[in-house]
């Protein structure tokens, strides 16, 4: 998902939920938007929080006057997410923006009344977060790009762009449930396309991306696909540097947000 897409669509959802009626009754009340990042820190909130701010500004909202963002960052430790969600619930924020599956699950468990705007690339129906896409019900709405359904098409387009490609590496985190689903889809597509799929694993607890990248180069992977996880997203700035340092000119698909 591009930052521009996130900026526009998420801001529209959030702005529509911010309780204008409550502001009319209490003009001094500034609506609070709770945002939890799985990888962000207090000093680095990540690109999507700023994209949300920009989207709200584009819609005419002024931070500090029309909205305040209560930000929390898990710093890559997913076990901290439920605690951070509960903090926002205790603060009685007006809406919670949930940009990752872990945040969506925790927010759904923590509150039935605070609106939740999810941002996800997996099916929220099969994940049990909403009843249906047309009628989500409950207190959850938002964006579901269903990006994992496009994995096979991405690999197909890659083989069309590079007809002689035979080995494609996948940089992923095997102990991430969503990444596992994505990897299996790439496996099925690779088999149908007669492409050898090479697995390069990066563990959440010790994300040694440099070793994984060096292994991909040594085994002569023709291209490298990344499956976005907390471990890879929080280290996304390292990937172009590693590519330059190894002198690799192989096809490289960067980490999606």
C-alpha atoms as a PDB file:
ATOM      1  CA  UNK A   1       0.000   0.000   0.000  1.00  0.00           C
ATOM      2  CA  UNK A   2       1.433   3.355  -0.986  1.00  0.00           C
ATOM      3  CA  UNK A   3       1.672   6.178   1.516  1.00  0.00           C
ATOM      4  CA  UNK A   4      -0.488   8.366  -0.734  1.00  0.00           C
ATOM      5  CA  UNK A   5      -3.264   5.764  -0.798  1.00  0.00           C
ATOM      6  CA  UNK A   6      -3.044   5.353   2.978  1.00  0.00           C
ATOM      7  CA  UNK A   7      -3.014   9.125   3.402  1.00  0.00           C
ATOM      8  CA  UNK A   8      -6.222   9.730   1.459  1.00  0.00           C
ATOM      9  CA  UNK A   9      -8.397   6.712   2.251  1.00  0.00           C
ATOM     10  CA  UNK A  10      -7.563   6.277   5.933  1.00  0.00           C
ATOM     11  CA  UNK A  11      -7.981   9.991   6.578  1.00  0.00           C
ATOM     12  CA  UNK A  12     -11.428   9.902   4.979  1.00  0.00           C
ATOM     13  CA  UNK A  13     -12.491   7.005   7.201  1.00  0.00           C
ATOM     14  CA  UNK A  14     -11.102   8.646  10.339  1.00  0.00           C
ATOM     15  CA  UNK A  15     -12.568  12.058   9.522  1.00  0.00           C
ATOM     16  CA  UNK A  16     -16.002  10.537   8.975  1.00  0.00           C
ATOM     17  CA  UNK A  17     -15.866   8.867  12.383  1.00  0.00           C
ATOM     18  CA  UNK A  18     -14.560  11.817  14.414  1.00  0.00           C
ATOM     19  CA  UNK A  19     -17.654  12.760  16.409  1.00  0.00           C
ATOM     20  CA  UNK A  20     -18.677  16.149  15.068  1.00  0.00           C
ATOM     21  CA  UNK A  21     -21.837  16.047  17.171  1.00  0.00           C
ATOM     22  CA  UNK A  22     -19.807  15.674  20.349  1.00  0.00           C
ATOM     23  CA  UNK A  23     -17.725  18.688  19.325  1.00  0.00           C
ATOM     24  CA  UNK A  24     -20.880  20.693  18.742  1.00  0.00           C
ATOM     25  CA  UNK A  25     -22.059  19.872  22.261  1.00  0.00           C
ATOM     26  CA  UNK A  26     -18.640  20.545  23.744  1.00  0.00           C
ATOM     27  CA  UNK A  27     -16.645  22.945  21.529  1.00  0.00           C
ATOM     28  CA  UNK A  28     -13.589  22.671  23.796  1.00  0.00           C
ATOM     29  CA  UNK A  29     -13.270  18.935  23.231  1.00  0.00           C
ATOM     30  CA  UNK A  30     -10.592  17.974  20.715  1.00  0.00           C
ATOM     31  CA  UNK A  31     -11.226  14.492  19.266  1.00  0.00           C
ATOM     32  CA  UNK A  32      -8.384  12.058  19.912  1.00  0.00           C
ATOM     33  CA  UNK A  33      -7.236   9.500  17.344  1.00  0.00           C
ATOM     34  CA  UNK A  34      -5.433   6.503  18.792  1.00  0.00           C
ATOM     35  CA  UNK A  35      -2.714   5.069  16.543  1.00  0.00           C
ATOM     36  CA  UNK A  36      -0.603   2.016  17.335  1.00  0.00           C
ATOM     37  CA  UNK A  37       2.423   1.101  15.236  1.00  0.00           C
ATOM     38  CA  UNK A  38       3.883  -2.378  15.539  1.00  0.00           C
ATOM     39  CA  UNK A  39       7.360  -1.175  14.612  1.00  0.00           C
ATOM     40  CA  UNK A  40       7.434   2.518  15.494  1.00  0.00           C
ATOM     41  CA  UNK A  41       9.235   4.106  18.421  1.00  0.00           C
ATOM     42  CA  UNK A  42       8.753   7.326  20.351  1.00  0.00           C
ATOM     43  CA  UNK A  43      11.412   9.005  18.190  1.00  0.00           C
ATOM     44  CA  UNK A  44      10.445   7.388  14.867  1.00  0.00           C
ATOM     45  CA  UNK A  45       6.715   7.132  14.323  1.00  0.00           C
ATOM     46  CA  UNK A  46       7.139   5.876  10.777  1.00  0.00           C
ATOM     47  CA  UNK A  47       5.872   7.255   7.458  1.00  0.00           C
ATOM     48  CA  UNK A  48       2.219   6.305   7.794  1.00  0.00           C
ATOM     49  CA  UNK A  49       1.462   8.409  10.858  1.00  0.00           C
ATOM     50  CA  UNK A  50       2.647  11.481   8.991  1.00  0.00           C
ATOM     51  CA  UNK A  51       0.636  10.327   5.966  1.00  0.00           C
ATOM     52  CA  UNK A  52      -2.464  10.208   8.167  1.00  0.00           C
ATOM     53  CA  UNK A  53      -1.740  13.703   9.465  1.00  0.00           C
ATOM     54  CA  UNK A  54      -1.292  14.964   5.906  1.00  0.00           C
ATOM     55  CA  UNK A  55      -4.532  13.356   4.802  1.00  0.00           C
ATOM     56  CA  UNK A  56      -6.439  15.013   7.620  1.00  0.00           C
ATOM     57  CA  UNK A  57      -4.813  18.358   6.817  1.00  0.00           C
ATOM     58  CA  UNK A  58      -5.836  17.953   3.191  1.00  0.00           C
ATOM     59  CA  UNK A  59      -9.416  17.490   4.391  1.00  0.00           C
ATOM     60  CA  UNK A  60      -9.227  20.776   6.270  1.00  0.00           C
ATOM     61  CA  UNK A  61      -8.518  19.489   9.777  1.00  0.00           C
ATOM     62  CA  UNK A  62      -5.978  21.248  11.993  1.00  0.00           C
ATOM     63  CA  UNK A  63      -3.960  19.198  14.457  1.00  0.00           C
ATOM     64  CA  UNK A  64      -4.437  20.444  17.995  1.00  0.00           C
ATOM     65  CA  UNK A  65      -7.687  22.155  17.043  1.00  0.00           C
ATOM     66  CA  UNK A  66      -9.742  19.520  15.208  1.00  0.00           C
ATOM     67  CA  UNK A  67      -7.841  16.400  16.216  1.00  0.00           C
ATOM     68  CA  UNK A  68      -4.994  15.034  18.327  1.00  0.00           C
ATOM     69  CA  UNK A  69      -3.137  11.789  17.598  1.00  0.00           C
ATOM     70  CA  UNK A  70      -2.429   9.633  20.639  1.00  0.00           C
ATOM     71  CA  UNK A  71       0.480   7.615  19.256  1.00  0.00           C
ATOM     72  CA  UNK A  72       1.903   4.380  20.678  1.00  0.00           C
ATOM     73  CA  UNK A  73       4.769   2.346  19.211  1.00  0.00           C
ATOM     74  CA  UNK A  74       5.460  -1.311  19.996  1.00  0.00           C
ATOM     75  CA  UNK A  75       9.073  -1.039  18.753  1.00  0.00           C
ATOM     76  CA  UNK A  76       8.830  -4.409  17.027  1.00  0.00           C
ATOM     77  CA  UNK A  77       7.733  -6.251  20.186  1.00  0.00           C
ATOM     78  CA  UNK A  78       4.307  -7.557  19.261  1.00  0.00           C
ATOM     79  CA  UNK A  79       3.689  -8.765  22.815  1.00  0.00           C
ATOM     80  CA  UNK A  80       3.391  -5.104  23.847  1.00  0.00           C
ATOM     81  CA  UNK A  81       0.468  -4.388  21.518  1.00  0.00           C
ATOM     82  CA  UNK A  82      -2.406  -5.499  23.833  1.00  0.00           C
ATOM     83  CA  UNK A  83      -1.055  -3.262  26.607  1.00  0.00           C
ATOM     84  CA  UNK A  84      -0.793  -0.280  24.256  1.00  0.00           C
ATOM     85  CA  UNK A  85      -4.324  -0.855  22.976  1.00  0.00           C
ATOM     86  CA  UNK A  86      -5.630  -0.951  26.530  1.00  0.00           C
ATOM     87  CA  UNK A  87      -3.877   2.348  27.239  1.00  0.00           C
ATOM     88  CA  UNK A  88      -5.788   3.996  24.410  1.00  0.00           C
ATOM     89  CA  UNK A  89      -9.062   2.428  25.542  1.00  0.00           C
ATOM     90  CA  UNK A  90      -8.481   3.770  29.061  1.00  0.00           C
ATOM     91  CA  UNK A  91      -7.837   7.215  27.572  1.00  0.00           C
ATOM     92  CA  UNK A  92     -11.234   6.925  25.856  1.00  0.00           C
ATOM     93  CA  UNK A  93      -9.920   7.955  22.451  1.00  0.00           C
ATOM     94  CA  UNK A  94     -12.595   8.666  19.866  1.00  0.00           C
ATOM     95  CA  UNK A  95     -11.246   6.267  17.233  1.00  0.00           C
ATOM     96  CA  UNK A  96      -8.427   3.722  16.993  1.00  0.00           C
ATOM     97  CA  UNK A  97      -6.413   3.319  13.778  1.00  0.00           C
ATOM     98  CA  UNK A  98      -5.214  -0.287  13.564  1.00  0.00           C
ATOM     99  CA  UNK A  99      -2.601  -0.696  10.791  1.00  0.00           C
ATOM    100  CA  UNK A 100      -1.508  -4.297  11.470  1.00  0.00           C
ATOM    101  CA  UNK A 101      -3.259  -7.633  12.132  1.00  0.00           C
ATOM    102  CA  UNK A 102      -1.965  -7.736  15.719  1.00  0.00           C
ATOM    103  CA  UNK A 103      -3.377  -4.300  16.480  1.00  0.00           C
ATOM    104  CA  UNK A 104      -6.705  -5.150  14.827  1.00  0.00           C
ATOM    105  CA  UNK A 105      -7.082  -8.345  16.893  1.00  0.00           C
ATOM    106  CA  UNK A 106      -6.152  -6.615  20.147  1.00  0.00           C
ATOM    107  CA  UNK A 107      -8.416  -3.629  19.498  1.00  0.00           C
ATOM    108  CA  UNK A 108     -11.363  -5.884  18.664  1.00  0.00           C
ATOM    109  CA  UNK A 109     -10.847  -7.762  21.944  1.00  0.00           C
ATOM    110  CA  UNK A 110     -10.355  -4.592  24.005  1.00  0.00           C
ATOM    111  CA  UNK A 111     -13.418  -2.549  22.987  1.00  0.00           C
ATOM    112  CA  UNK A 112     -16.868  -2.980  21.495  1.00  0.00           C
ATOM    113  CA  UNK A 113     -17.715   0.726  21.529  1.00  0.00           C
ATOM    114  CA  UNK A 114     -14.709   2.725  20.272  1.00  0.00           C
ATOM    115  CA  UNK A 115     -14.699   2.804  16.442  1.00  0.00           C
ATOM    116  CA  UNK A 116     -11.738   0.951  14.904  1.00  0.00           C
ATOM    117  CA  UNK A 117     -10.359   1.837  11.467  1.00  0.00           C
ATOM    118  CA  UNK A 118      -8.363  -1.147  10.227  1.00  0.00           C
ATOM    119  CA  UNK A 119      -5.743  -1.084   7.494  1.00  0.00           C
ATOM    120  CA  UNK A 120      -4.987  -4.604   6.304  1.00  0.00           C
ATOM    121  CA  UNK A 121      -3.785  -6.573   3.333  1.00  0.00           C
ATOM    122  CA  UNK A 122      -5.486  -9.806   4.389  1.00  0.00           C
ATOM    123  CA  UNK A 123      -9.115 -10.898   4.330  1.00  0.00           C
ATOM    124  CA  UNK A 124     -10.840  -9.456   7.426  1.00  0.00           C
ATOM    125  CA  UNK A 125     -13.787 -11.834   7.015  1.00  0.00           C
ATOM    126  CA  UNK A 126     -11.799 -15.065   7.148  1.00  0.00           C
ATOM    127  CA  UNK A 127      -9.730 -13.528   9.939  1.00  0.00           C
ATOM    128  CA  UNK A 128     -12.909 -13.127  11.971  1.00  0.00           C
ATOM    129  CA  UNK A 129     -12.715  -9.362  12.392  1.00  0.00           C
ATOM    130  CA  UNK A 130     -15.882  -8.464  10.469  1.00  0.00           C
ATOM    131  CA  UNK A 131     -19.027 -10.297   9.387  1.00  0.00           C
ATOM    132  CA  UNK A 132     -18.697  -9.357   5.717  1.00  0.00           C
ATOM    133  CA  UNK A 133     -17.057  -6.744   3.511  1.00  0.00           C
ATOM    134  CA  UNK A 134     -20.410  -5.218   2.546  1.00  0.00           C
ATOM    135  CA  UNK A 135     -21.786  -5.204   6.109  1.00  0.00           C
ATOM    136  CA  UNK A 136     -18.892  -5.378   8.585  1.00  0.00           C
ATOM    137  CA  UNK A 137     -21.154  -4.607  11.574  1.00  0.00           C
ATOM    138  CA  UNK A 138     -19.711  -4.121  15.045  1.00  0.00           C
ATOM    139  CA  UNK A 139     -17.284  -1.248  15.580  1.00  0.00           C
ATOM    140  CA  UNK A 140     -14.745  -2.082  12.851  1.00  0.00           C
ATOM    141  CA  UNK A 141     -14.472  -0.498   9.405  1.00  0.00           C
ATOM    142  CA  UNK A 142     -11.563   0.524   7.197  1.00  0.00           C
ATOM    143  CA  UNK A 143      -9.418  -0.643   4.318  1.00  0.00           C
ATOM    144  CA  UNK A 144      -8.847  -4.227   3.197  1.00  0.00           C
ATOM    145  CA  UNK A 145      -6.635  -4.339   0.113  1.00  0.00           C
ATOM    146  CA  UNK A 146      -6.625  -8.166   0.029  1.00  0.00           C
ATOM    147  CA  UNK A 147      -3.065  -7.863  -1.221  1.00  0.00           C
ATOM    148  CA  UNK A 148      -2.172 -11.500  -0.581  1.00  0.00           C
ATOM    149  CA  UNK A 149      -4.620 -12.555  -3.317  1.00  0.00           C
ATOM    150  CA  UNK A 150      -2.310 -10.789  -5.769  1.00  0.00           C
ATOM    151  CA  UNK A 151       0.820 -12.764  -4.879  1.00  0.00           C
ATOM    152  CA  UNK A 152       0.448 -15.199  -7.738  1.00  0.00           C
ATOM    153  CA  UNK A 153      -0.147 -12.362 -10.188  1.00  0.00           C
ATOM    154  CA  UNK A 154       2.963 -10.524  -8.928  1.00  0.00           C
ATOM    155  CA  UNK A 155       5.112 -13.573  -9.581  1.00  0.00           C
ATOM    156  CA  UNK A 156       3.503 -14.049 -12.991  1.00  0.00           C
ATOM    157  CA  UNK A 157       4.225 -10.426 -13.930  1.00  0.00           C
ATOM    158  CA  UNK A 158       7.808 -10.864 -12.750  1.00  0.00           C
ATOM    159  CA  UNK A 159       8.324 -13.827 -15.077  1.00  0.00           C
ATOM    160  CA  UNK A 160       6.839 -11.825 -17.945  1.00  0.00           C
ATOM    161  CA  UNK A 161       9.133  -8.888 -17.232  1.00  0.00           C
ATOM    162  CA  UNK A 162      12.189 -11.184 -16.966  1.00  0.00           C
ATOM    163  CA  UNK A 163      11.426 -14.139 -19.284  1.00  0.00           C
ATOM    164  CA  UNK A 164      14.570 -16.129 -18.415  1.00  0.00           C
ATOM    165  CA  UNK A 165      14.037 -15.957 -14.675  1.00  0.00           C
ATOM    166  CA  UNK A 166      14.338 -19.349 -12.981  1.00  0.00           C
ATOM    167  CA  UNK A 167      15.052 -18.717  -9.282  1.00  0.00           C
ATOM    168  CA  UNK A 168      13.118 -16.218  -7.178  1.00  0.00           C
ATOM    169  CA  UNK A 169      14.012 -15.590  -3.563  1.00  0.00           C
ATOM    170  CA  UNK A 170      11.472 -14.631  -0.909  1.00  0.00           C
ATOM    171  CA  UNK A 171      12.615 -12.586   2.072  1.00  0.00           C
ATOM    172  CA  UNK A 172      10.127 -13.249   4.867  1.00  0.00           C
ATOM    173  CA  UNK A 173       9.507 -13.899   8.562  1.00  0.00           C
ATOM    174  CA  UNK A 174       8.375 -17.517   9.064  1.00  0.00           C
ATOM    175  CA  UNK A 175       7.088 -16.982  12.613  1.00  0.00           C
ATOM    176  CA  UNK A 176       4.594 -14.401  11.361  1.00  0.00           C
ATOM    177  CA  UNK A 177       1.174 -15.905  10.641  1.00  0.00           C
ATOM    178  CA  UNK A 178       0.267 -13.541   7.811  1.00  0.00           C
ATOM    179  CA  UNK A 179       3.674 -13.971   6.166  1.00  0.00           C
ATOM    180  CA  UNK A 180       3.233 -17.748   6.245  1.00  0.00           C
ATOM    181  CA  UNK A 181      -0.045 -17.474   4.317  1.00  0.00           C
ATOM    182  CA  UNK A 182       1.618 -15.214   1.745  1.00  0.00           C
ATOM    183  CA  UNK A 183       4.596 -17.541   1.347  1.00  0.00           C
ATOM    184  CA  UNK A 184       2.326 -20.524   0.655  1.00  0.00           C
ATOM    185  CA  UNK A 185       0.603 -18.545  -2.082  1.00  0.00           C
ATOM    186  CA  UNK A 186       3.953 -17.761  -3.675  1.00  0.00           C
ATOM    187  CA  UNK A 187       4.857 -21.469  -3.459  1.00  0.00           C
ATOM    188  CA  UNK A 188       1.699 -22.470  -5.320  1.00  0.00           C
ATOM    189  CA  UNK A 189       2.263 -19.832  -8.002  1.00  0.00           C
ATOM    190  CA  UNK A 190       5.937 -20.778  -8.416  1.00  0.00           C
ATOM    191  CA  UNK A 191       5.008 -24.415  -8.989  1.00  0.00           C
ATOM    192  CA  UNK A 192       2.500 -23.467 -11.681  1.00  0.00           C
ATOM    193  CA  UNK A 193       5.011 -21.151 -13.370  1.00  0.00           C
ATOM    194  CA  UNK A 194       7.883 -23.662 -13.160  1.00  0.00           C
ATOM    195  CA  UNK A 195       9.951 -21.247 -11.072  1.00  0.00           C
ATOM    196  CA  UNK A 196      12.227 -22.373  -8.238  1.00  0.00           C
ATOM    197  CA  UNK A 197      11.291 -20.518  -5.062  1.00  0.00           C
ATOM    198  CA  UNK A 198      14.072 -19.907  -2.558  1.00  0.00           C
ATOM    199  CA  UNK A 199      13.248 -19.103   1.061  1.00  0.00           C
ATOM    200  CA  UNK A 200      15.379 -16.533   2.901  1.00  0.00           C
ATOM    201  CA  UNK A 201      14.149 -16.267   6.462  1.00  0.00           C
ATOM    202  CA  UNK A 202      14.441 -13.333   8.836  1.00  0.00           C
ATOM    203  CA  UNK A 203      13.405 -14.037  12.412  1.00  0.00           C
ATOM    204  CA  UNK A 204      11.399 -11.475  14.347  1.00  0.00           C
ATOM    205  CA  UNK A 205      13.532 -11.946  17.464  1.00  0.00           C
ATOM    206  CA  UNK A 206      16.824 -11.439  15.613  1.00  0.00           C
ATOM    207  CA  UNK A 207      16.249  -9.829  12.205  1.00  0.00           C
ATOM    208  CA  UNK A 208      19.607 -10.531  10.543  1.00  0.00           C
ATOM    209  CA  UNK A 209      18.627  -9.109   7.161  1.00  0.00           C
ATOM    210  CA  UNK A 210      22.204  -8.695   5.979  1.00  0.00           C
ATOM    211  CA  UNK A 211      22.950 -12.438   6.252  1.00  0.00           C
ATOM    212  CA  UNK A 212      19.699 -13.323   4.475  1.00  0.00           C
ATOM    213  CA  UNK A 213      20.463 -10.872   1.681  1.00  0.00           C
ATOM    214  CA  UNK A 214      24.046 -12.120   1.300  1.00  0.00           C
ATOM    215  CA  UNK A 215      22.737 -15.687   1.076  1.00  0.00           C
ATOM    216  CA  UNK A 216      20.332 -14.648  -1.672  1.00  0.00           C
ATOM    217  CA  UNK A 217      23.225 -13.176  -3.638  1.00  0.00           C
ATOM    218  CA  UNK A 218      25.500 -16.207  -3.102  1.00  0.00           C
ATOM    219  CA  UNK A 219      22.805 -18.655  -4.221  1.00  0.00           C
ATOM    220  CA  UNK A 220      22.271 -16.515  -7.320  1.00  0.00           C
ATOM    221  CA  UNK A 221      18.606 -15.741  -6.876  1.00  0.00           C
ATOM    222  CA  UNK A 222      17.462 -13.969 -10.054  1.00  0.00           C
ATOM    223  CA  UNK A 223      15.026 -11.780  -8.125  1.00  0.00           C
ATOM    224  CA  UNK A 224      14.050 -11.076  -4.548  1.00  0.00           C
ATOM    225  CA  UNK A 225      10.532 -10.546  -3.246  1.00  0.00           C
ATOM    226  CA  UNK A 226       9.848  -9.315   0.275  1.00  0.00           C
ATOM    227  CA  UNK A 227       6.790 -10.171   2.345  1.00  0.00           C
ATOM    228  CA  UNK A 228       6.084  -7.306   4.707  1.00  0.00           C
ATOM    229  CA  UNK A 229       6.357  -8.097   8.405  1.00  0.00           C
ATOM    230  CA  UNK A 230       7.274  -6.058  11.478  1.00  0.00           C
ATOM    231  CA  UNK A 231      10.879  -7.273  11.289  1.00  0.00           C
ATOM    232  CA  UNK A 232      11.310  -6.260   7.642  1.00  0.00           C
ATOM    233  CA  UNK A 233       9.316  -3.047   7.770  1.00  0.00           C
ATOM    234  CA  UNK A 234      11.282  -1.724  10.741  1.00  0.00           C
ATOM    235  CA  UNK A 235      14.515  -2.433   8.810  1.00  0.00           C
ATOM    236  CA  UNK A 236      13.253  -1.318   5.401  1.00  0.00           C
ATOM    237  CA  UNK A 237      15.908   1.372   5.026  1.00  0.00           C
ATOM    238  CA  UNK A 238      18.661  -1.260   5.090  1.00  0.00           C
ATOM    239  CA  UNK A 239      17.481  -3.085   1.985  1.00  0.00           C
ATOM    240  CA  UNK A 240      18.531  -0.590  -0.733  1.00  0.00           C
ATOM    241  CA  UNK A 241      21.882  -0.155   1.052  1.00  0.00           C
ATOM    242  CA  UNK A 242      22.489  -3.910   1.080  1.00  0.00           C
ATOM    243  CA  UNK A 243      21.594  -4.095  -2.592  1.00  0.00           C
ATOM    244  CA  UNK A 244      24.167  -1.423  -3.459  1.00  0.00           C
ATOM    245  CA  UNK A 245      26.862  -2.881  -1.206  1.00  0.00           C
ATOM    246  CA  UNK A 246      26.592  -6.328  -2.764  1.00  0.00           C
ATOM    247  CA  UNK A 247      26.647  -4.904  -6.269  1.00  0.00           C
ATOM    248  CA  UNK A 248      23.516  -6.877  -7.038  1.00  0.00           C
ATOM    249  CA  UNK A 249      21.539  -5.877 -10.138  1.00  0.00           C
ATOM    250  CA  UNK A 250      18.913  -8.505  -9.627  1.00  0.00           C
ATOM    251  CA  UNK A 251      15.234  -7.598  -9.674  1.00  0.00           C
ATOM    252  CA  UNK A 252      14.263  -6.353  -6.265  1.00  0.00           C
ATOM    253  CA  UNK A 253      10.792  -5.709  -4.938  1.00  0.00           C
ATOM    254  CA  UNK A 254      10.916  -3.519  -1.836  1.00  0.00           C
ATOM    255  CA  UNK A 255       9.012  -3.889   1.396  1.00  0.00           C
ATOM    256  CA  UNK A 256       5.396  -2.784   1.178  1.00  0.00           C
ATOM    257  CA  UNK A 257       3.816  -0.874   3.982  1.00  0.00           C
END
